[in-house]
N, C-alpha and C. Protein backbone atom coordinates (compact mmCIF):
# COMPACT_ATOMS: atom_id res chain seq x y z
N UNK A 1 -49.96 7.78 31.09
CA UNK A 1 -48.53 7.97 31.08
C UNK A 1 -48.07 8.39 29.70
N UNK A 2 -47.16 9.29 29.73
CA UNK A 2 -46.61 9.80 28.48
C UNK A 2 -45.23 9.19 28.27
N UNK A 3 -45.16 8.22 27.43
CA UNK A 3 -43.87 7.59 27.14
C UNK A 3 -43.36 8.12 25.81
N UNK A 4 -42.21 8.70 25.88
CA UNK A 4 -41.62 9.20 24.66
C UNK A 4 -40.74 8.12 24.05
N UNK A 5 -40.86 7.96 22.77
CA UNK A 5 -40.02 6.97 22.10
C UNK A 5 -38.65 7.58 21.82
N UNK A 6 -37.70 6.72 21.81
CA UNK A 6 -36.33 7.14 21.55
C UNK A 6 -36.15 7.32 20.06
N UNK A 7 -35.82 8.51 19.64
CA UNK A 7 -35.63 8.80 18.23
C UNK A 7 -34.19 8.54 17.84
N UNK A 8 -34.01 7.81 16.79
CA UNK A 8 -32.67 7.53 16.27
C UNK A 8 -32.33 8.61 15.26
N UNK A 9 -31.27 9.31 15.54
CA UNK A 9 -30.86 10.36 14.62
C UNK A 9 -30.07 9.77 13.46
N UNK A 10 -30.25 10.29 12.28
CA UNK A 10 -29.48 9.78 11.14
C UNK A 10 -28.00 10.10 11.31
N UNK A 11 -27.18 9.20 10.84
CA UNK A 11 -25.73 9.39 10.95
C UNK A 11 -25.14 9.97 9.67
N UNK A 12 -25.98 10.35 8.75
CA UNK A 12 -25.48 10.91 7.50
C UNK A 12 -24.82 12.26 7.76
N UNK A 13 -23.85 12.56 6.95
CA UNK A 13 -23.15 13.82 7.05
C UNK A 13 -24.01 14.88 6.37
N UNK A 14 -24.25 15.99 7.05
CA UNK A 14 -25.11 17.02 6.46
C UNK A 14 -24.37 17.83 5.40
N UNK A 15 -23.10 18.07 5.61
CA UNK A 15 -22.31 18.83 4.64
C UNK A 15 -21.16 17.94 4.18
N UNK A 16 -21.11 17.68 2.89
CA UNK A 16 -20.06 16.83 2.35
C UNK A 16 -18.80 17.65 2.11
N UNK A 17 -17.68 17.05 2.39
CA UNK A 17 -16.39 17.70 2.17
C UNK A 17 -15.99 17.47 0.72
N UNK A 18 -16.52 18.27 -0.17
CA UNK A 18 -16.25 18.10 -1.59
C UNK A 18 -15.21 19.12 -2.03
N UNK A 19 -14.14 18.63 -2.59
CA UNK A 19 -13.11 19.52 -3.13
C UNK A 19 -12.64 18.94 -4.45
N UNK A 20 -12.12 19.78 -5.29
CA UNK A 20 -11.68 19.34 -6.60
C UNK A 20 -10.30 18.73 -6.62
N UNK A 21 -9.58 18.85 -5.52
CA UNK A 21 -8.20 18.36 -5.51
C UNK A 21 -8.15 16.89 -5.08
N UNK A 22 -7.07 16.23 -5.44
CA UNK A 22 -6.86 14.85 -5.03
C UNK A 22 -6.49 14.82 -3.55
N UNK A 23 -7.04 13.86 -2.83
CA UNK A 23 -6.78 13.77 -1.39
C UNK A 23 -6.13 12.45 -1.06
N UNK A 24 -5.56 12.38 0.11
CA UNK A 24 -4.98 11.14 0.60
C UNK A 24 -6.09 10.18 1.01
N UNK A 25 -5.80 8.88 1.03
CA UNK A 25 -6.85 7.93 1.43
C UNK A 25 -7.34 8.12 2.86
N UNK A 26 -6.54 8.75 3.71
CA UNK A 26 -6.97 8.93 5.10
C UNK A 26 -7.82 10.17 5.29
N UNK A 27 -7.83 11.07 4.32
CA UNK A 27 -8.63 12.28 4.45
C UNK A 27 -10.08 11.99 4.06
N UNK A 28 -11.02 12.64 4.74
CA UNK A 28 -12.42 12.40 4.38
C UNK A 28 -12.76 13.05 3.05
N UNK A 29 -13.48 12.34 2.22
CA UNK A 29 -13.95 12.88 0.97
C UNK A 29 -15.40 12.42 0.77
N UNK A 30 -16.00 12.79 -0.32
CA UNK A 30 -17.41 12.46 -0.52
C UNK A 30 -17.66 10.95 -0.51
N UNK A 31 -16.82 10.21 -1.21
CA UNK A 31 -17.03 8.77 -1.29
C UNK A 31 -16.90 8.10 0.07
N UNK A 32 -15.88 8.49 0.84
CA UNK A 32 -15.70 7.86 2.14
C UNK A 32 -16.79 8.27 3.11
N UNK A 33 -17.39 9.43 2.90
CA UNK A 33 -18.47 9.85 3.77
C UNK A 33 -19.78 9.17 3.41
N UNK A 34 -19.97 8.81 2.16
CA UNK A 34 -21.22 8.19 1.73
C UNK A 34 -21.16 6.67 1.70
N UNK A 35 -19.98 6.12 1.51
CA UNK A 35 -19.84 4.68 1.37
C UNK A 35 -20.12 3.98 2.70
N UNK A 36 -20.83 2.89 2.61
CA UNK A 36 -21.13 2.11 3.80
C UNK A 36 -20.09 1.01 3.91
N UNK A 37 -19.40 0.99 5.02
CA UNK A 37 -18.40 -0.04 5.26
C UNK A 37 -18.94 -0.96 6.34
N UNK A 38 -19.01 -2.22 6.02
CA UNK A 38 -19.54 -3.18 6.99
C UNK A 38 -18.54 -3.37 8.13
N UNK A 39 -19.06 -3.58 9.32
CA UNK A 39 -18.21 -3.71 10.49
C UNK A 39 -17.33 -4.95 10.44
N UNK A 40 -17.77 -5.98 9.77
CA UNK A 40 -16.99 -7.22 9.71
C UNK A 40 -15.80 -7.11 8.76
N UNK A 41 -15.78 -6.11 7.88
CA UNK A 41 -14.69 -5.99 6.93
C UNK A 41 -13.35 -5.81 7.64
N UNK A 42 -13.30 -4.91 8.60
CA UNK A 42 -12.05 -4.69 9.33
C UNK A 42 -11.67 -5.91 10.16
N UNK A 43 -12.68 -6.58 10.70
CA UNK A 43 -12.41 -7.78 11.48
C UNK A 43 -11.82 -8.88 10.60
N UNK A 44 -12.34 -9.04 9.42
CA UNK A 44 -11.83 -10.07 8.52
C UNK A 44 -10.45 -9.72 7.98
N UNK A 45 -10.17 -8.42 7.79
CA UNK A 45 -8.85 -8.02 7.29
C UNK A 45 -7.76 -8.33 8.31
N UNK A 46 -8.09 -8.22 9.59
CA UNK A 46 -7.09 -8.41 10.65
C UNK A 46 -7.20 -9.77 11.33
N UNK A 47 -7.96 -10.69 10.76
CA UNK A 47 -8.22 -11.97 11.41
C UNK A 47 -6.94 -12.78 11.61
N UNK A 48 -6.12 -12.89 10.58
CA UNK A 48 -4.91 -13.73 10.68
C UNK A 48 -3.94 -13.17 11.71
N UNK A 49 -3.74 -11.85 11.70
CA UNK A 49 -2.83 -11.25 12.69
C UNK A 49 -3.37 -11.37 14.10
N UNK A 50 -4.68 -11.19 14.24
CA UNK A 50 -5.29 -11.30 15.57
C UNK A 50 -5.18 -12.73 16.10
N UNK A 51 -5.43 -13.70 15.24
CA UNK A 51 -5.33 -15.10 15.66
C UNK A 51 -3.89 -15.47 16.01
N UNK A 52 -2.92 -14.96 15.24
CA UNK A 52 -1.51 -15.22 15.53
C UNK A 52 -1.13 -14.62 16.89
N UNK A 53 -1.57 -13.40 17.17
CA UNK A 53 -1.26 -12.76 18.45
C UNK A 53 -1.88 -13.53 19.62
N UNK A 54 -3.08 -14.01 19.47
CA UNK A 54 -3.71 -14.80 20.53
C UNK A 54 -2.96 -16.11 20.74
N UNK A 55 -2.55 -16.76 19.65
CA UNK A 55 -1.79 -18.00 19.77
C UNK A 55 -0.46 -17.76 20.48
N UNK A 56 0.20 -16.65 20.17
CA UNK A 56 1.47 -16.34 20.83
C UNK A 56 1.28 -16.02 22.31
N UNK A 57 0.17 -15.37 22.66
CA UNK A 57 -0.11 -15.10 24.08
C UNK A 57 -0.36 -16.39 24.84
N UNK A 58 -1.10 -17.30 24.23
CA UNK A 58 -1.36 -18.59 24.89
C UNK A 58 -0.07 -19.39 25.04
N UNK A 59 0.77 -19.36 24.01
CA UNK A 59 2.05 -20.07 24.08
C UNK A 59 2.95 -19.46 25.14
N UNK A 60 2.94 -18.13 25.26
CA UNK A 60 3.75 -17.46 26.29
C UNK A 60 3.26 -17.83 27.68
N UNK A 61 1.96 -17.88 27.87
CA UNK A 61 1.41 -18.24 29.18
C UNK A 61 1.73 -19.69 29.54
N UNK A 62 1.78 -20.56 28.56
CA UNK A 62 1.99 -21.97 28.81
C UNK A 62 3.46 -22.36 28.88
N UNK A 63 4.31 -21.79 28.00
CA UNK A 63 5.68 -22.25 27.89
C UNK A 63 6.73 -21.19 28.22
N UNK A 64 6.30 -19.96 28.47
CA UNK A 64 7.25 -18.91 28.77
C UNK A 64 7.54 -18.06 27.55
N UNK A 65 8.44 -17.11 27.71
CA UNK A 65 8.71 -16.14 26.66
C UNK A 65 9.60 -16.69 25.54
N UNK A 66 10.36 -17.74 25.79
CA UNK A 66 11.32 -18.24 24.81
C UNK A 66 10.68 -18.78 23.55
N UNK A 67 9.61 -19.55 23.68
CA UNK A 67 8.99 -20.18 22.51
C UNK A 67 8.39 -19.15 21.55
N UNK A 68 7.56 -18.19 22.03
CA UNK A 68 7.03 -17.21 21.07
C UNK A 68 8.11 -16.30 20.51
N UNK A 69 9.16 -16.03 21.28
CA UNK A 69 10.25 -15.20 20.78
C UNK A 69 10.98 -15.91 19.65
N UNK A 70 11.24 -17.21 19.82
CA UNK A 70 11.90 -17.99 18.77
C UNK A 70 11.03 -18.06 17.52
N UNK A 71 9.72 -18.27 17.71
CA UNK A 71 8.83 -18.34 16.55
C UNK A 71 8.74 -17.00 15.84
N UNK A 72 8.75 -15.91 16.60
CA UNK A 72 8.73 -14.58 15.99
C UNK A 72 9.99 -14.30 15.21
N UNK A 73 11.14 -14.74 15.74
CA UNK A 73 12.41 -14.54 15.02
C UNK A 73 12.45 -15.40 13.76
N UNK A 74 11.92 -16.63 13.83
CA UNK A 74 11.85 -17.47 12.63
C UNK A 74 10.98 -16.82 11.56
N UNK A 75 9.86 -16.26 11.98
CA UNK A 75 8.95 -15.62 11.04
C UNK A 75 9.59 -14.36 10.43
N UNK A 76 10.31 -13.60 11.25
CA UNK A 76 11.01 -12.41 10.76
C UNK A 76 12.07 -12.80 9.73
N UNK A 77 12.81 -13.87 10.01
CA UNK A 77 13.84 -14.32 9.06
C UNK A 77 13.22 -14.83 7.77
N UNK A 78 12.06 -15.49 7.87
CA UNK A 78 11.40 -16.00 6.67
C UNK A 78 10.89 -14.86 5.79
N UNK A 79 10.47 -13.77 6.41
CA UNK A 79 9.99 -12.63 5.62
C UNK A 79 11.13 -11.88 4.96
N UNK A 80 12.33 -11.94 5.52
CA UNK A 80 13.46 -11.19 4.97
C UNK A 80 14.11 -11.89 3.79
N UNK A 81 13.83 -13.17 3.61
CA UNK A 81 14.38 -13.87 2.45
C UNK A 81 13.68 -13.33 1.22
N UNK A 82 14.45 -12.77 0.33
CA UNK A 82 13.85 -12.08 -0.79
C UNK A 82 14.09 -12.75 -2.12
N UNK A 83 13.39 -12.23 -3.06
CA UNK A 83 13.55 -12.62 -4.45
C UNK A 83 14.03 -11.39 -5.21
N UNK A 84 14.13 -11.52 -6.49
CA UNK A 84 14.42 -10.36 -7.30
C UNK A 84 13.28 -9.36 -7.14
N UNK A 85 13.56 -8.07 -7.24
CA UNK A 85 12.54 -7.07 -6.92
C UNK A 85 11.28 -7.14 -7.78
N UNK A 86 11.36 -7.68 -8.99
CA UNK A 86 10.19 -7.70 -9.85
C UNK A 86 9.33 -8.95 -9.66
N UNK A 87 9.78 -9.89 -8.83
CA UNK A 87 9.00 -11.10 -8.55
C UNK A 87 8.32 -10.98 -7.19
N UNK A 88 7.07 -11.37 -7.15
CA UNK A 88 6.35 -11.35 -5.88
C UNK A 88 6.62 -12.63 -5.13
N UNK A 89 6.64 -12.53 -3.82
CA UNK A 89 6.86 -13.70 -2.99
C UNK A 89 5.55 -14.42 -2.75
N UNK A 90 5.60 -15.73 -2.69
CA UNK A 90 4.40 -16.50 -2.39
C UNK A 90 4.18 -16.62 -0.89
N UNK A 91 5.15 -16.20 -0.08
CA UNK A 91 5.07 -16.26 1.38
C UNK A 91 4.82 -17.68 1.90
N UNK A 92 5.37 -18.66 1.21
CA UNK A 92 5.16 -20.05 1.61
C UNK A 92 5.79 -20.33 2.97
N UNK A 93 7.00 -19.81 3.21
CA UNK A 93 7.65 -20.07 4.50
C UNK A 93 6.86 -19.47 5.66
N UNK A 94 6.33 -18.27 5.48
CA UNK A 94 5.53 -17.65 6.52
C UNK A 94 4.23 -18.42 6.73
N UNK A 95 3.62 -18.90 5.64
CA UNK A 95 2.40 -19.69 5.77
C UNK A 95 2.65 -21.00 6.51
N UNK A 96 3.80 -21.61 6.29
CA UNK A 96 4.13 -22.86 6.99
C UNK A 96 4.35 -22.60 8.47
N UNK A 97 5.05 -21.50 8.79
CA UNK A 97 5.33 -21.19 10.19
C UNK A 97 4.07 -20.81 10.97
N UNK A 98 3.11 -20.17 10.31
CA UNK A 98 1.88 -19.77 11.00
C UNK A 98 0.78 -20.79 10.89
N UNK A 99 0.94 -21.82 10.06
CA UNK A 99 -0.09 -22.84 9.93
C UNK A 99 -1.14 -22.52 8.88
N UNK A 100 -0.95 -21.45 8.14
CA UNK A 100 -1.93 -21.09 7.11
C UNK A 100 -1.80 -21.94 5.85
N UNK A 101 -0.77 -22.78 5.78
CA UNK A 101 -0.60 -23.62 4.59
C UNK A 101 -1.66 -24.71 4.53
N UNK A 102 -2.31 -24.98 5.64
CA UNK A 102 -3.35 -26.01 5.68
C UNK A 102 -4.73 -25.48 5.33
N UNK A 103 -4.86 -24.17 5.16
CA UNK A 103 -6.15 -23.55 4.88
C UNK A 103 -6.27 -23.21 3.41
N UNK A 104 -7.47 -23.27 2.89
CA UNK A 104 -7.75 -22.84 1.52
C UNK A 104 -8.58 -21.57 1.64
N UNK A 105 -8.02 -20.47 1.16
CA UNK A 105 -8.70 -19.19 1.24
C UNK A 105 -8.91 -18.63 -0.17
N UNK A 106 -9.53 -17.44 -0.24
CA UNK A 106 -9.77 -16.82 -1.53
C UNK A 106 -8.47 -16.51 -2.26
N UNK A 107 -7.41 -16.19 -1.52
CA UNK A 107 -6.15 -15.84 -2.16
C UNK A 107 -5.54 -17.04 -2.88
N UNK A 108 -5.92 -18.25 -2.49
CA UNK A 108 -5.34 -19.43 -3.12
C UNK A 108 -5.83 -19.64 -4.54
N UNK A 109 -7.07 -19.26 -4.84
CA UNK A 109 -7.54 -19.48 -6.19
C UNK A 109 -7.93 -18.19 -6.91
N UNK A 110 -8.05 -17.08 -6.20
CA UNK A 110 -8.33 -15.81 -6.87
C UNK A 110 -7.10 -14.93 -6.96
N UNK A 111 -6.06 -15.20 -6.18
CA UNK A 111 -4.87 -14.36 -6.18
C UNK A 111 -3.72 -14.99 -6.94
N UNK A 112 -4.00 -15.63 -8.05
CA UNK A 112 -2.95 -16.28 -8.83
C UNK A 112 -2.06 -15.24 -9.52
N UNK A 113 -0.76 -15.53 -9.65
CA UNK A 113 0.17 -14.53 -10.22
C UNK A 113 -0.17 -14.11 -11.64
N UNK A 114 -0.78 -14.98 -12.43
CA UNK A 114 -1.06 -14.59 -13.81
C UNK A 114 -2.19 -13.57 -13.91
N UNK A 115 -2.92 -13.35 -12.81
CA UNK A 115 -3.98 -12.35 -12.82
C UNK A 115 -3.51 -11.02 -12.21
N UNK A 116 -2.28 -10.93 -11.76
CA UNK A 116 -1.78 -9.70 -11.16
C UNK A 116 -1.58 -8.64 -12.24
N UNK A 117 -1.86 -7.42 -11.87
CA UNK A 117 -1.69 -6.32 -12.81
C UNK A 117 -0.43 -5.52 -12.54
N UNK A 118 0.38 -5.94 -11.60
CA UNK A 118 1.55 -5.15 -11.25
C UNK A 118 2.84 -5.77 -11.75
N UNK A 119 2.78 -6.57 -12.82
CA UNK A 119 4.00 -7.09 -13.42
C UNK A 119 4.69 -5.96 -14.17
N UNK A 120 5.98 -5.78 -13.89
CA UNK A 120 6.73 -4.68 -14.48
C UNK A 120 7.91 -5.21 -15.25
N UNK A 121 8.60 -4.31 -15.92
CA UNK A 121 9.77 -4.72 -16.69
C UNK A 121 10.90 -5.07 -15.73
N UNK A 122 11.41 -6.29 -15.82
CA UNK A 122 12.42 -6.75 -14.86
C UNK A 122 13.67 -5.88 -14.83
N UNK A 123 14.19 -5.49 -16.01
CA UNK A 123 15.43 -4.72 -16.04
C UNK A 123 15.27 -3.35 -15.38
N UNK A 124 14.14 -2.71 -15.62
CA UNK A 124 13.92 -1.38 -15.05
C UNK A 124 13.79 -1.45 -13.53
N UNK A 125 13.14 -2.47 -13.03
CA UNK A 125 12.95 -2.59 -11.58
C UNK A 125 14.27 -2.89 -10.88
N UNK A 126 15.09 -3.78 -11.44
CA UNK A 126 16.37 -4.11 -10.83
C UNK A 126 17.30 -2.91 -10.88
N UNK A 127 17.32 -2.18 -11.99
CA UNK A 127 18.16 -1.00 -12.10
C UNK A 127 17.73 0.06 -11.08
N UNK A 128 16.43 0.22 -10.88
CA UNK A 128 15.97 1.20 -9.91
C UNK A 128 16.34 0.78 -8.48
N UNK A 129 16.23 -0.52 -8.17
CA UNK A 129 16.56 -0.98 -6.83
C UNK A 129 18.06 -0.87 -6.55
N UNK A 130 18.90 -0.99 -7.58
CA UNK A 130 20.34 -0.86 -7.41
C UNK A 130 20.83 0.58 -7.52
N UNK A 131 19.93 1.49 -7.91
CA UNK A 131 20.31 2.88 -8.04
C UNK A 131 20.99 3.21 -9.36
N UNK A 132 20.79 2.37 -10.35
CA UNK A 132 21.39 2.59 -11.67
C UNK A 132 20.34 3.24 -12.56
N UNK A 133 20.56 4.47 -12.92
CA UNK A 133 19.62 5.17 -13.81
C UNK A 133 20.36 5.55 -15.08
N UNK A 134 19.84 5.12 -16.19
CA UNK A 134 20.47 5.44 -17.48
C UNK A 134 19.67 6.48 -18.21
């Protein structure tokens, strides 16, 4: 008997889309074509939202549409409470409403505000948000 083995073809791109111009993050470029992205990365990025959606579906099935609707409106209101434009929000109210305040994640000890690189001049940011340009 002649059994042929199944050949796995390489998934590498034969011709790279190399251009000298700057591209958008969604456009294919050499790095995105060569870089290996693990399948779990996207799953981990969307884990909190996916878990929240599953919890809301279970709550809707058990208690009806009113409970998840009220929780969604509470979460929407908590996100709309703002600070001055140059200060980042800690999202404490959203974490309490979703139950993430009980978890210790990488953002709790690696995402401290003193390590942020996006601190800007407060006066310039407020003037820009109010439309005041001098």
